[in-house]
Full PDB file with SEQRES, HELIX, SHEET, SSBOND, CRYST1, ORIGX, SCALE, CONECT and MASTER records, all heavy atoms in Angstrom:
SEQRES   1 A   38  GLY ARG GLY LYS SER GLY ALA ALA LEU ILE VAL SER ARG          
SEQRES   2 A   38  THR GLY ALA MET VAL LEU PRO VAL GLY ILE ARG THR LYS          
SEQRES   3 A   38  ASN GLN LYS PRO ARG ILE PHE ARG LYS VAL THR VAL              
HELIX    1 AA1 GLY A    6  THR A   14  1                                   9    
SHEET    1 AA1 2 ARG A  24  THR A  25  0                                        
SHEET    2 AA1 2 VAL A  36  THR A  37 -1                                        
CRYST1    1.000    1.000    1.000  90.00  90.00  90.00 P 1           1          
ORIGX1      1.000000  0.000000  0.000000        0.00000                         
ORIGX2      0.000000  1.000000  0.000000        0.00000                         
ORIGX3      0.000000  0.000000  1.000000        0.00000                         
SCALE1      1.000000  0.000000  0.000000        0.00000                         
SCALE2      0.000000  1.000000  0.000000        0.00000                         
SCALE3      0.000000  0.000000  1.000000        0.00000                         
ATOM      1  N   GLY A   1      -1.585  -0.173   2.952  1.00  0.00           N  
ATOM      2  CA  GLY A   1      -0.499   0.738   2.626  1.00  0.00           C  
ATOM      3  C   GLY A   1       0.853   0.052   2.714  1.00  0.00           C  
ATOM      4  O   GLY A   1       0.957  -1.157   2.892  1.00  0.00           O  
ATOM      5  N   ARG A   2       1.901   0.844   2.597  1.00  0.00           N  
ATOM      6  CA  ARG A   2       3.265   0.322   2.659  1.00  0.00           C  
ATOM      7  C   ARG A   2       3.662   0.096   4.116  1.00  0.00           C  
ATOM      8  O   ARG A   2       3.425   0.931   4.981  1.00  0.00           O  
ATOM      9  CB  ARG A   2       4.232   1.300   2.003  1.00  0.00           C  
ATOM     10  CG  ARG A   2       5.684   0.814   1.975  1.00  0.00           C  
ATOM     11  CD  ARG A   2       6.572   1.880   1.364  1.00  0.00           C  
ATOM     12  NE  ARG A   2       6.211   2.126  -0.032  1.00  0.00           N  
ATOM     13  CZ  ARG A   2       6.674   1.423  -1.047  1.00  0.00           C  
ATOM     14  NH1 ARG A   2       7.530   0.421  -0.825  1.00  0.00           N  
ATOM     15  NH2 ARG A   2       6.325   1.715  -2.286  1.00  0.00           N  
ATOM     16  N   GLY A   3       4.262  -1.036   4.396  1.00  0.00           N  
ATOM     17  CA  GLY A   3       4.693  -1.340   5.739  1.00  0.00           C  
ATOM     18  C   GLY A   3       5.992  -0.637   6.110  1.00  0.00           C  
ATOM     19  O   GLY A   3       6.892  -0.520   5.277  1.00  0.00           O  
ATOM     20  N   LYS A   4       6.065  -0.151   7.331  1.00  0.00           N  
ATOM     21  CA  LYS A   4       7.292   0.454   7.830  1.00  0.00           C  
ATOM     22  C   LYS A   4       8.137  -0.612   8.534  1.00  0.00           C  
ATOM     23  O   LYS A   4       7.685  -1.730   8.752  1.00  0.00           O  
ATOM     24  CB  LYS A   4       6.957   1.609   8.762  1.00  0.00           C  
ATOM     25  CG  LYS A   4       6.196   2.732   8.052  1.00  0.00           C  
ATOM     26  CD  LYS A   4       5.922   3.899   8.978  1.00  0.00           C  
ATOM     27  CE  LYS A   4       5.182   5.014   8.243  1.00  0.00           C  
ATOM     28  NZ  LYS A   4       4.884   6.172   9.135  1.00  0.00           N  
ATOM     29  N   SER A   5       9.338  -0.247   8.924  1.00  0.00           N  
ATOM     30  CA  SER A   5      10.285  -1.249   9.429  1.00  0.00           C  
ATOM     31  C   SER A   5      10.185  -1.491  10.930  1.00  0.00           C  
ATOM     32  O   SER A   5      10.913  -2.331  11.460  1.00  0.00           O  
ATOM     33  CB  SER A   5      11.714  -0.817   9.089  1.00  0.00           C  
ATOM     34  OG  SER A   5      12.025   0.432   9.704  1.00  0.00           O  
ATOM     35  N   GLY A   6       9.302  -0.780  11.637  1.00  0.00           N  
ATOM     36  CA  GLY A   6       9.235  -0.905  13.091  1.00  0.00           C  
ATOM     37  C   GLY A   6       8.955  -2.313  13.572  1.00  0.00           C  
ATOM     38  O   GLY A   6       9.599  -2.806  14.505  1.00  0.00           O  
ATOM     39  N   ALA A   7       7.988  -2.982  12.942  1.00  0.00           N  
ATOM     40  CA  ALA A   7       7.645  -4.346  13.352  1.00  0.00           C  
ATOM     41  C   ALA A   7       8.833  -5.282  13.140  1.00  0.00           C  
ATOM     42  O   ALA A   7       9.170  -6.090  14.017  1.00  0.00           O  
ATOM     43  CB  ALA A   7       6.436  -4.839  12.569  1.00  0.00           C  
ATOM     44  N   ALA A   8       9.470  -5.178  11.967  1.00  0.00           N  
ATOM     45  CA  ALA A   8      10.616  -6.034  11.674  1.00  0.00           C  
ATOM     46  C   ALA A   8      11.761  -5.775  12.645  1.00  0.00           C  
ATOM     47  O   ALA A   8      12.478  -6.706  13.050  1.00  0.00           O  
ATOM     48  CB  ALA A   8      11.086  -5.803  10.233  1.00  0.00           C  
ATOM     49  N   LEU A   9      11.942  -4.522  13.049  1.00  0.00           N  
ATOM     50  CA  LEU A   9      13.000  -4.186  13.998  1.00  0.00           C  
ATOM     51  C   LEU A   9      12.769  -4.883  15.336  1.00  0.00           C  
ATOM     52  O   LEU A   9      13.699  -5.455  15.917  1.00  0.00           O  
ATOM     53  CB  LEU A   9      13.048  -2.673  14.211  1.00  0.00           C  
ATOM     54  CG  LEU A   9      14.045  -2.163  15.261  1.00  0.00           C  
ATOM     55  CD1 LEU A   9      15.471  -2.515  14.866  1.00  0.00           C  
ATOM     56  CD2 LEU A   9      13.892  -0.655  15.448  1.00  0.00           C  
ATOM     57  N   ILE A  10      11.534  -4.858  15.829  1.00  0.00           N  
ATOM     58  CA  ILE A  10      11.225  -5.510  17.101  1.00  0.00           C  
ATOM     59  C   ILE A  10      11.372  -7.025  16.980  1.00  0.00           C  
ATOM     60  O   ILE A  10      11.879  -7.688  17.887  1.00  0.00           O  
ATOM     61  CB  ILE A  10       9.811  -5.125  17.569  1.00  0.00           C  
ATOM     62  CG1 ILE A  10       9.745  -3.613  17.830  1.00  0.00           C  
ATOM     63  CG2 ILE A  10       9.425  -5.884  18.832  1.00  0.00           C  
ATOM     64  CD1 ILE A  10       8.346  -3.096  18.111  1.00  0.00           C  
ATOM     65  N   VAL A  11      10.956  -7.570  15.843  1.00  0.00           N  
ATOM     66  CA  VAL A  11      11.132  -9.009  15.611  1.00  0.00           C  
ATOM     67  C   VAL A  11      12.612  -9.371  15.644  1.00  0.00           C  
ATOM     68  O   VAL A  11      13.017 -10.368  16.249  1.00  0.00           O  
ATOM     69  CB  VAL A  11      10.506  -9.424  14.260  1.00  0.00           C  
ATOM     70  CG1 VAL A  11      10.858 -10.882  13.940  1.00  0.00           C  
ATOM     71  CG2 VAL A  11       8.994  -9.255  14.296  1.00  0.00           C  
ATOM     72  N   SER A  12      13.448  -8.540  15.015  1.00  0.00           N  
ATOM     73  CA  SER A  12      14.883  -8.842  14.951  1.00  0.00           C  
ATOM     74  C   SER A  12      15.518  -8.836  16.329  1.00  0.00           C  
ATOM     75  O   SER A  12      16.498  -9.545  16.575  1.00  0.00           O  
ATOM     76  CB  SER A  12      15.588  -7.827  14.033  1.00  0.00           C  
ATOM     77  OG  SER A  12      15.659  -6.537  14.634  1.00  0.00           O  
ATOM     78  N   ARG A  13      14.982  -8.037  17.243  1.00  0.00           N  
ATOM     79  CA  ARG A  13      15.560  -7.927  18.585  1.00  0.00           C  
ATOM     80  C   ARG A  13      14.993  -8.939  19.570  1.00  0.00           C  
ATOM     81  O   ARG A  13      15.481  -9.062  20.694  1.00  0.00           O  
ATOM     82  CB  ARG A  13      15.347  -6.510  19.118  1.00  0.00           C  
ATOM     83  CG  ARG A  13      16.154  -5.458  18.362  1.00  0.00           C  
ATOM     84  CD  ARG A  13      15.908  -4.053  18.859  1.00  0.00           C  
ATOM     85  NE  ARG A  13      16.189  -3.912  20.278  1.00  0.00           N  
ATOM     86  CZ  ARG A  13      16.017  -2.772  20.976  1.00  0.00           C  
ATOM     87  NH1 ARG A  13      15.575  -1.690  20.356  1.00  0.00           N  
ATOM     88  NH2 ARG A  13      16.281  -2.728  22.262  1.00  0.00           N  
ATOM     89  N   THR A  14      13.953  -9.674  19.161  1.00  0.00           N  
ATOM     90  CA  THR A  14      13.316 -10.627  20.078  1.00  0.00           C  
ATOM     91  C   THR A  14      13.348 -12.066  19.595  1.00  0.00           C  
ATOM     92  O   THR A  14      13.133 -12.985  20.376  1.00  0.00           O  
ATOM     93  CB  THR A  14      11.843 -10.236  20.297  1.00  0.00           C  
ATOM     94  OG1 THR A  14      11.160 -10.213  19.030  1.00  0.00           O  
ATOM     95  CG2 THR A  14      11.731  -8.866  20.967  1.00  0.00           C  
ATOM     96  N   GLY A  15      13.593 -12.270  18.292  1.00  0.00           N  
ATOM     97  CA  GLY A  15      13.550 -13.623  17.755  1.00  0.00           C  
ATOM     98  C   GLY A  15      12.138 -14.170  17.686  1.00  0.00           C  
ATOM     99  O   GLY A  15      11.933 -15.387  17.645  1.00  0.00           O  
ATOM    100  N   ALA A  16      11.154 -13.280  17.658  1.00  0.00           N  
ATOM    101  CA  ALA A  16       9.751 -13.704  17.700  1.00  0.00           C  
ATOM    102  C   ALA A  16       9.262 -14.185  16.340  1.00  0.00           C  
ATOM    103  O   ALA A  16       9.758 -13.771  15.296  1.00  0.00           O  
ATOM    104  CB  ALA A  16       8.878 -12.548  18.181  1.00  0.00           C  
ATOM    105  N   MET A  17       8.270 -15.054  16.377  1.00  0.00           N  
ATOM    106  CA  MET A  17       7.522 -15.388  15.170  1.00  0.00           C  
ATOM    107  C   MET A  17       6.520 -14.264  14.924  1.00  0.00           C  
ATOM    108  O   MET A  17       6.203 -13.478  15.825  1.00  0.00           O  
ATOM    109  CB  MET A  17       6.798 -16.725  15.331  1.00  0.00           C  
ATOM    110  CG  MET A  17       5.634 -16.695  16.306  1.00  0.00           C  
ATOM    111  SD  MET A  17       4.848 -18.320  16.533  1.00  0.00           S  
ATOM    112  CE  MET A  17       5.914 -19.001  17.812  1.00  0.00           C  
ATOM    113  N   VAL A  18       6.016 -14.167  13.703  1.00  0.00           N  
ATOM    114  CA  VAL A  18       5.040 -13.137  13.353  1.00  0.00           C  
ATOM    115  C   VAL A  18       3.709 -13.795  13.029  1.00  0.00           C  
ATOM    116  O   VAL A  18       3.651 -14.731  12.228  1.00  0.00           O  
ATOM    117  CB  VAL A  18       5.516 -12.300  12.151  1.00  0.00           C  
ATOM    118  CG1 VAL A  18       4.412 -11.366  11.667  1.00  0.00           C  
ATOM    119  CG2 VAL A  18       6.754 -11.486  12.523  1.00  0.00           C  
ATOM    120  N   LEU A  19       2.645 -13.313  13.659  1.00  0.00           N  
ATOM    121  CA  LEU A  19       1.292 -13.799  13.378  1.00  0.00           C  
ATOM    122  C   LEU A  19       0.597 -12.764  12.489  1.00  0.00           C  
ATOM    123  O   LEU A  19       0.194 -11.701  12.962  1.00  0.00           O  
ATOM    124  CB  LEU A  19       0.510 -13.979  14.680  1.00  0.00           C  
ATOM    125  CG  LEU A  19      -0.957 -14.409  14.534  1.00  0.00           C  
ATOM    126  CD1 LEU A  19      -1.043 -15.799  13.896  1.00  0.00           C  
ATOM    127  CD2 LEU A  19      -1.664 -14.385  15.893  1.00  0.00           C  
ATOM    128  N   PRO A  20       0.446 -13.048  11.183  1.00  0.00           N  
ATOM    129  CA  PRO A  20      -0.212 -12.086  10.297  1.00  0.00           C  
ATOM    130  C   PRO A  20      -1.732 -12.166  10.450  1.00  0.00           C  
ATOM    131  O   PRO A  20      -2.308 -13.254  10.553  1.00  0.00           O  
ATOM    132  CB  PRO A  20       0.227 -12.535   8.906  1.00  0.00           C  
ATOM    133  CG  PRO A  20       0.456 -14.009   9.044  1.00  0.00           C  
ATOM    134  CD  PRO A  20       0.924 -14.229  10.458  1.00  0.00           C  
ATOM    135  N   VAL A  21      -2.371 -11.000  10.466  1.00  0.00           N  
ATOM    136  CA  VAL A  21      -3.824 -10.930  10.612  1.00  0.00           C  
ATOM    137  C   VAL A  21      -4.370  -9.924   9.614  1.00  0.00           C  
ATOM    138  O   VAL A  21      -3.767  -8.864   9.390  1.00  0.00           O  
ATOM    139  CB  VAL A  21      -4.239 -10.505  12.041  1.00  0.00           C  
ATOM    140  CG1 VAL A  21      -5.761 -10.577  12.193  1.00  0.00           C  
ATOM    141  CG2 VAL A  21      -3.572 -11.375  13.089  1.00  0.00           C  
ATOM    142  N   GLY A  22      -5.507 -10.253   9.023  1.00  0.00           N  
ATOM    143  CA  GLY A  22      -6.168  -9.332   8.103  1.00  0.00           C  
ATOM    144  C   GLY A  22      -7.575  -9.020   8.569  1.00  0.00           C  
ATOM    145  O   GLY A  22      -8.338  -9.924   8.908  1.00  0.00           O  
ATOM    146  N   ILE A  23      -7.913  -7.742   8.631  1.00  0.00           N  
ATOM    147  CA  ILE A  23      -9.267  -7.309   8.963  1.00  0.00           C  
ATOM    148  C   ILE A  23      -9.904  -6.777   7.683  1.00  0.00           C  
ATOM    149  O   ILE A  23      -9.381  -5.861   7.055  1.00  0.00           O  
ATOM    150  CB  ILE A  23      -9.264  -6.226  10.058  1.00  0.00           C  
ATOM    151  CG1 ILE A  23      -8.693  -6.800  11.359  1.00  0.00           C  
ATOM    152  CG2 ILE A  23     -10.677  -5.685  10.284  1.00  0.00           C  
ATOM    153  CD1 ILE A  23      -8.609  -5.797  12.488  1.00  0.00           C  
ATOM    154  N   ARG A  24     -11.036  -7.366   7.326  1.00  0.00           N  
ATOM    155  CA  ARG A  24     -11.646  -7.046   6.033  1.00  0.00           C  
ATOM    156  C   ARG A  24     -13.141  -6.798   6.213  1.00  0.00           C  
ATOM    157  O   ARG A  24     -13.811  -7.489   6.987  1.00  0.00           O  
ATOM    158  CB  ARG A  24     -11.432  -8.207   5.063  1.00  0.00           C  
ATOM    159  CG  ARG A  24     -11.952  -7.980   3.653  1.00  0.00           C  
ATOM    160  CD  ARG A  24     -11.616  -9.145   2.726  1.00  0.00           C  
ATOM    161  NE  ARG A  24     -12.428 -10.329   3.005  1.00  0.00           N  
ATOM    162  CZ  ARG A  24     -11.963 -11.439   3.575  1.00  0.00           C  
ATOM    163  NH1 ARG A  24     -10.697 -11.521   3.938  1.00  0.00           N  
ATOM    164  NH2 ARG A  24     -12.750 -12.466   3.782  1.00  0.00           N  
ATOM    165  N   THR A  25     -13.673  -5.806   5.512  1.00  0.00           N  
ATOM    166  CA  THR A  25     -15.104  -5.527   5.547  1.00  0.00           C  
ATOM    167  C   THR A  25     -15.536  -4.974   4.205  1.00  0.00           C  
ATOM    168  O   THR A  25     -14.699  -4.532   3.401  1.00  0.00           O  
ATOM    169  CB  THR A  25     -15.442  -4.526   6.669  1.00  0.00           C  
ATOM    170  OG1 THR A  25     -16.865  -4.425   6.784  1.00  0.00           O  
ATOM    171  CG2 THR A  25     -14.873  -3.157   6.369  1.00  0.00           C  
ATOM    172  N   LYS A  26     -16.821  -4.981   3.956  1.00  0.00           N  
ATOM    173  CA  LYS A  26     -17.353  -4.449   2.709  1.00  0.00           C  
ATOM    174  C   LYS A  26     -17.074  -2.958   2.631  1.00  0.00           C  
ATOM    175  O   LYS A  26     -17.238  -2.231   3.602  1.00  0.00           O  
ATOM    176  CB  LYS A  26     -18.861  -4.700   2.637  1.00  0.00           C  
ATOM    177  CG  LYS A  26     -19.489  -4.307   1.309  1.00  0.00           C  
ATOM    178  CD  LYS A  26     -20.968  -4.641   1.300  1.00  0.00           C  
ATOM    179  CE  LYS A  26     -21.601  -4.252  -0.037  1.00  0.00           C  
ATOM    180  NZ  LYS A  26     -23.058  -4.565  -0.042  1.00  0.00           N  
ATOM    181  N   ASN A  27     -16.627  -2.498   1.478  1.00  0.00           N  
ATOM    182  CA  ASN A  27     -16.278  -1.086   1.271  1.00  0.00           C  
ATOM    183  C   ASN A  27     -15.149  -0.631   2.187  1.00  0.00           C  
ATOM    184  O   ASN A  27     -15.047   0.556   2.508  1.00  0.00           O  
ATOM    185  CB  ASN A  27     -17.511  -0.193   1.456  1.00  0.00           C  
ATOM    186  CG  ASN A  27     -18.606  -0.512   0.448  1.00  0.00           C  
ATOM    187  OD1 ASN A  27     -18.330  -0.876  -0.685  1.00  0.00           O  
ATOM    188  ND2 ASN A  27     -19.852  -0.391   0.879  1.00  0.00           N  
ATOM    189  N   GLN A  28     -14.324  -1.570   2.642  1.00  0.00           N  
ATOM    190  CA  GLN A  28     -13.089  -1.311   3.387  1.00  0.00           C  
ATOM    191  C   GLN A  28     -13.277  -0.796   4.814  1.00  0.00           C  
ATOM    192  O   GLN A  28     -12.581  -1.215   5.715  1.00  0.00           O  
ATOM    193  CB  GLN A  28     -12.168  -0.339   2.631  1.00  0.00           C  
ATOM    194  CG  GLN A  28     -11.432  -0.953   1.453  1.00  0.00           C  
ATOM    195  CD  GLN A  28     -12.267  -0.996   0.212  1.00  0.00           C  
ATOM    196  OE1 GLN A  28     -13.013  -0.068  -0.067  1.00  0.00           O  
ATOM    197  NE2 GLN A  28     -12.153  -2.069  -0.544  1.00  0.00           N  
ATOM    198  N   LYS A  29     -14.201   0.124   5.065  1.00  0.00           N  
ATOM    199  CA  LYS A  29     -14.282   0.769   6.367  1.00  0.00           C  
ATOM    200  C   LYS A  29     -15.346   0.123   7.259  1.00  0.00           C  
ATOM    201  O   LYS A  29     -16.496  -0.013   6.861  1.00  0.00           O  
ATOM    202  CB  LYS A  29     -14.604   2.261   6.207  1.00  0.00           C  
ATOM    203  CG  LYS A  29     -13.457   3.069   5.617  1.00  0.00           C  
ATOM    204  CD  LYS A  29     -12.315   3.168   6.603  1.00  0.00           C  
ATOM    205  CE  LYS A  29     -11.229   4.095   6.072  1.00  0.00           C  
ATOM    206  NZ  LYS A  29     -10.128   4.241   7.032  1.00  0.00           N  
ATOM    207  N   PRO A  30     -14.973  -0.286   8.512  1.00  0.00           N  
ATOM    208  CA  PRO A  30     -15.970  -0.816   9.445  1.00  0.00           C  
ATOM    209  C   PRO A  30     -17.001   0.254   9.806  1.00  0.00           C  
ATOM    210  O   PRO A  30     -16.677   1.419   9.984  1.00  0.00           O  
ATOM    211  CB  PRO A  30     -15.136  -1.196  10.673  1.00  0.00           C  
ATOM    212  CG  PRO A  30     -13.743  -1.357  10.162  1.00  0.00           C  
ATOM    213  CD  PRO A  30     -13.616  -0.354   9.058  1.00  0.00           C  
ATOM    214  N   ARG A  31     -18.265  -0.153   9.878  1.00  0.00           N  
ATOM    215  CA  ARG A  31     -19.352   0.724  10.286  1.00  0.00           C  
ATOM    216  C   ARG A  31     -20.285  -0.070  11.205  1.00  0.00           C  
ATOM    217  O   ARG A  31     -20.264  -1.298  11.210  1.00  0.00           O  
ATOM    218  CB  ARG A  31     -20.146   1.228   9.074  1.00  0.00           C  
ATOM    219  CG  ARG A  31     -19.369   2.126   8.133  1.00  0.00           C  
ATOM    220  CD  ARG A  31     -19.166   3.519   8.700  1.00  0.00           C  
ATOM    221  NE  ARG A  31     -18.593   4.434   7.710  1.00  0.00           N  
ATOM    222  CZ  ARG A  31     -17.300   4.601   7.501  1.00  0.00           C  
ATOM    223  NH1 ARG A  31     -16.426   3.893   8.197  1.00  0.00           N  
ATOM    224  NH2 ARG A  31     -16.852   5.449   6.597  1.00  0.00           N  
ATOM    225  N   ILE A  32     -21.111   0.621  11.960  1.00  0.00           N  
ATOM    226  CA  ILE A  32     -22.048  -0.043  12.836  1.00  0.00           C  
ATOM    227  C   ILE A  32     -22.970  -0.964  12.024  1.00  0.00           C  
ATOM    228  O   ILE A  32     -23.429  -0.597  10.936  1.00  0.00           O  
ATOM    229  CB  ILE A  32     -22.863   0.992  13.639  1.00  0.00           C  
ATOM    230  CG1 ILE A  32     -23.667   0.290  14.746  1.00  0.00           C  
ATOM    231  CG2 ILE A  32     -23.753   1.831  12.741  1.00  0.00           C  
ATOM    232  CD1 ILE A  32     -24.280   1.236  15.752  1.00  0.00           C  
ATOM    233  N   PHE A  33     -23.159  -2.182  12.526  1.00  0.00           N  
ATOM    234  CA  PHE A  33     -23.983  -3.228  11.915  1.00  0.00           C  
ATOM    235  C   PHE A  33     -23.397  -3.796  10.620  1.00  0.00           C  
ATOM    236  O   PHE A  33     -24.048  -4.580   9.947  1.00  0.00           O  
ATOM    237  CB  PHE A  33     -25.420  -2.748  11.656  1.00  0.00           C  
ATOM    238  CG  PHE A  33     -26.126  -2.246  12.883  1.00  0.00           C  
ATOM    239  CD1 PHE A  33     -26.789  -1.029  12.862  1.00  0.00           C  
ATOM    240  CD2 PHE A  33     -26.131  -2.992  14.051  1.00  0.00           C  
ATOM    241  CE1 PHE A  33     -27.440  -0.558  13.998  1.00  0.00           C  
ATOM    242  CE2 PHE A  33     -26.780  -2.534  15.192  1.00  0.00           C  
ATOM    243  CZ  PHE A  33     -27.434  -1.312  15.162  1.00  0.00           C  
ATOM    244  N   ARG A  34     -22.190  -3.398  10.260  1.00  0.00           N  
ATOM    245  CA  ARG A  34     -21.549  -3.924   9.053  1.00  0.00           C  
ATOM    246  C   ARG A  34     -20.570  -5.022   9.462  1.00  0.00           C  
ATOM    247  O   ARG A  34     -19.679  -4.804  10.263  1.00  0.00           O  
ATOM    248  CB  ARG A  34     -20.813  -2.817   8.302  1.00  0.00           C  
ATOM    249  CG  ARG A  34     -20.140  -3.288   7.010  1.00  0.00           C  
ATOM    250  CD  ARG A  34     -19.416  -2.143   6.331  1.00  0.00           C  
ATOM    251  NE  ARG A  34     -20.348  -1.143   5.807  1.00  0.00           N  
ATOM    252  CZ  ARG A  34     -19.967   0.012   5.287  1.00  0.00           C  
ATOM    253  NH1 ARG A  34     -18.688   0.329   5.242  1.00  0.00           N  
ATOM    254  NH2 ARG A  34     -20.871   0.870   4.833  1.00  0.00           N  
ATOM    255  N   LYS A  35     -20.730  -6.197   8.905  1.00  0.00           N  
ATOM    256  CA  LYS A  35     -19.939  -7.352   9.328  1.00  0.00           C  
ATOM    257  C   LYS A  35     -18.482  -7.234   8.906  1.00  0.00           C  
ATOM    258  O   LYS A  35     -18.171  -6.820   7.792  1.00  0.00           O  
ATOM    259  CB  LYS A  35     -20.524  -8.639   8.759  1.00  0.00           C  
ATOM    260  CG  LYS A  35     -19.931  -9.905   9.365  1.00  0.00           C  
ATOM    261  CD  LYS A  35     -20.698 -11.128   8.911  1.00  0.00           C  
ATOM    262  CE  LYS A  35     -20.176 -12.381   9.594  1.00  0.00           C  
ATOM    263  NZ  LYS A  35     -20.939 -13.586   9.181  1.00  0.00           N  
ATOM    264  N   VAL A  36     -17.611  -7.625   9.818  1.00  0.00           N  
ATOM    265  CA  VAL A  36     -16.167  -7.601   9.599  1.00  0.00           C  
ATOM    266  C   VAL A  36     -15.634  -9.029   9.695  1.00  0.00           C  
ATOM    267  O   VAL A  36     -16.128  -9.833  10.502  1.00  0.00           O  
ATOM    268  CB  VAL A  36     -15.476  -6.707  10.651  1.00  0.00           C  
ATOM    269  CG1 VAL A  36     -13.979  -6.939  10.678  1.00  0.00           C  
ATOM    270  CG2 VAL A  36     -15.764  -5.239  10.369  1.00  0.00           C  
ATOM    271  N   THR A  37     -14.658  -9.351   8.886  1.00  0.00           N  
ATOM    272  CA  THR A  37     -13.996 -10.654   8.969  1.00  0.00           C  
ATOM    273  C   THR A  37     -12.570 -10.459   9.458  1.00  0.00           C  
ATOM    274  O   THR A  37     -11.809  -9.675   8.885  1.00  0.00           O  
ATOM    275  CB  THR A  37     -13.968 -11.358   7.595  1.00  0.00           C  
ATOM    276  OG1 THR A  37     -15.307 -11.549   7.130  1.00  0.00           O  
ATOM    277  CG2 THR A  37     -13.293 -12.717   7.706  1.00  0.00           C  
ATOM    278  N   VAL A  38     -12.239 -11.155  10.536  1.00  0.00           N  
ATOM    279  CA  VAL A  38     -10.887 -11.127  11.093  1.00  0.00           C  
ATOM    280  C   VAL A  38     -10.241 -12.465  10.770  1.00  0.00           C  
ATOM    281  O   VAL A  38     -10.695 -13.515  11.231  1.00  0.00           O  
ATOM    282  CB  VAL A  38     -10.905 -10.909  12.619  1.00  0.00           C  
ATOM    283  CG1 VAL A  38      -9.480 -10.829  13.163  1.00  0.00           C  
ATOM    284  CG2 VAL A  38     -11.685  -9.648  12.976  1.00  0.00           C  
TER     285      VAL A  38                                                      
MASTER        0    0    0    1    2    0    0    6  284    1    0    3          
END                                                                             
């Protein structure tokens, strides 16, 4: 979905780097016994 500004606001106040992470699975939704890639 569309990202909101909350994360960027906290970054601006801390000078932090951002670690992007993607969670992906078949048919989008995690289910029991369904493999997920982080």
